[in-house]
Amino acid sequence: MLATTGPNEGWFEAVVTEAHDDLLKLRWLAWPDEPLFVRKITQVGLLPHGMK
């Protein structure tokens, strides 16, 4: 999963910790100690299977 913090920021890998309807609770893969954050499913990008 890829997520960003804003329109002028880069996209970084995130891990889904919870999913409810169209909302995802995520944590940054590279920064696991950062607080969890929420994005709508339309606000994230998918990595192709096997990519890391």
C-alpha atoms as a PDB file:
ATOM      1  CA  MET A   1       0.000   0.000   0.000  1.00  0.00           C
ATOM      2  CA  LEU A   2       1.262   3.513  -0.752  1.00  0.00           C
ATOM      3  CA  ALA A   3       0.145   6.636   1.087  1.00  0.00           C
ATOM      4  CA  THR A   4       1.120  10.288   1.197  1.00  0.00           C
ATOM      5  CA  THR A   5       0.863  13.050   3.769  1.00  0.00           C
ATOM      6  CA  GLY A   6      -0.144  15.694   1.254  1.00  0.00           C
ATOM      7  CA  PRO A   7      -0.392  16.720  -2.405  1.00  0.00           C
ATOM      8  CA  ASN A   8       3.202  17.994  -2.576  1.00  0.00           C
ATOM      9  CA  GLU A   9       4.723  15.076  -0.650  1.00  0.00           C
ATOM     10  CA  GLY A  10       6.084  11.750  -1.830  1.00  0.00           C
ATOM     11  CA  TRP A  11       4.362   8.388  -1.591  1.00  0.00           C
ATOM     12  CA  PHE A  12       5.609   5.883   0.967  1.00  0.00           C
ATOM     13  CA  GLU A  13       4.810   2.295   1.887  1.00  0.00           C
ATOM     14  CA  ALA A  14       2.218   1.771   4.585  1.00  0.00           C
ATOM     15  CA  VAL A  15       0.651  -1.267   6.217  1.00  0.00           C
ATOM     16  CA  VAL A  16      -3.100  -1.587   6.783  1.00  0.00           C
ATOM     17  CA  THR A  17      -3.863  -2.351  10.428  1.00  0.00           C
ATOM     18  CA  GLU A  18      -7.674  -2.069  10.208  1.00  0.00           C
ATOM     19  CA  ALA A  19     -10.321  -1.615   7.527  1.00  0.00           C
ATOM     20  CA  HIS A  20     -13.875  -0.363   8.050  1.00  0.00           C
ATOM     21  CA  ASP A  21     -16.082   0.298   5.026  1.00  0.00           C
ATOM     22  CA  ASP A  22     -14.027   2.698   2.855  1.00  0.00           C
ATOM     23  CA  LEU A  23     -11.630   3.776   5.644  1.00  0.00           C
ATOM     24  CA  LEU A  24      -8.220   2.246   6.278  1.00  0.00           C
ATOM     25  CA  LYS A  25      -6.143   2.634   9.417  1.00  0.00           C
ATOM     26  CA  LEU A  26      -2.470   2.579   8.412  1.00  0.00           C
ATOM     27  CA  ARG A  27       1.030   2.734   9.832  1.00  0.00           C
ATOM     28  CA  TRP A  28       4.149   3.726   7.939  1.00  0.00           C
ATOM     29  CA  LEU A  29       6.358   0.759   7.068  1.00  0.00           C
ATOM     30  CA  ALA A  30       9.612   2.722   7.451  1.00  0.00           C
ATOM     31  CA  TRP A  31       8.471   4.598  10.570  1.00  0.00           C
ATOM     32  CA  PRO A  32       6.526   2.090  12.714  1.00  0.00           C
ATOM     33  CA  ASP A  33       6.754   4.273  15.846  1.00  0.00           C
ATOM     34  CA  GLU A  34       4.806   7.110  14.196  1.00  0.00           C
ATOM     35  CA  PRO A  35       1.108   7.347  15.137  1.00  0.00           C
ATOM     36  CA  LEU A  36      -1.417   5.391  13.086  1.00  0.00           C
ATOM     37  CA  PHE A  37      -3.313   7.410  10.503  1.00  0.00           C
ATOM     38  CA  VAL A  38      -6.538   7.042   8.509  1.00  0.00           C
ATOM     39  CA  ARG A  39      -7.125   7.362   4.769  1.00  0.00           C
ATOM     40  CA  LYS A  40     -10.062   6.641   2.511  1.00  0.00           C
ATOM     41  CA  ILE A  41      -9.433   3.726   0.183  1.00  0.00           C
ATOM     42  CA  THR A  42      -9.523   6.187  -2.739  1.00  0.00           C
ATOM     43  CA  GLN A  43      -6.590   8.095  -1.179  1.00  0.00           C
ATOM     44  CA  VAL A  44      -4.058   5.246  -1.296  1.00  0.00           C
ATOM     45  CA  GLY A  45      -2.212   3.399  -4.028  1.00  0.00           C
ATOM     46  CA  LEU A  46      -1.650  -0.309  -4.446  1.00  0.00           C
ATOM     47  CA  LEU A  47       1.692  -1.914  -5.132  1.00  0.00           C
ATOM     48  CA  PRO A  48       1.764  -4.699  -7.711  1.00  0.00           C
ATOM     49  CA  HIS A  49       1.803  -8.198  -6.193  1.00  0.00           C
ATOM     50  CA  GLY A  50       5.329  -9.223  -5.234  1.00  0.00           C
ATOM     51  CA  MET A  51       6.734  -5.664  -5.277  1.00  0.00           C
ATOM     52  CA  LYS A  52       8.572  -4.427  -2.237  1.00  0.00           C
END
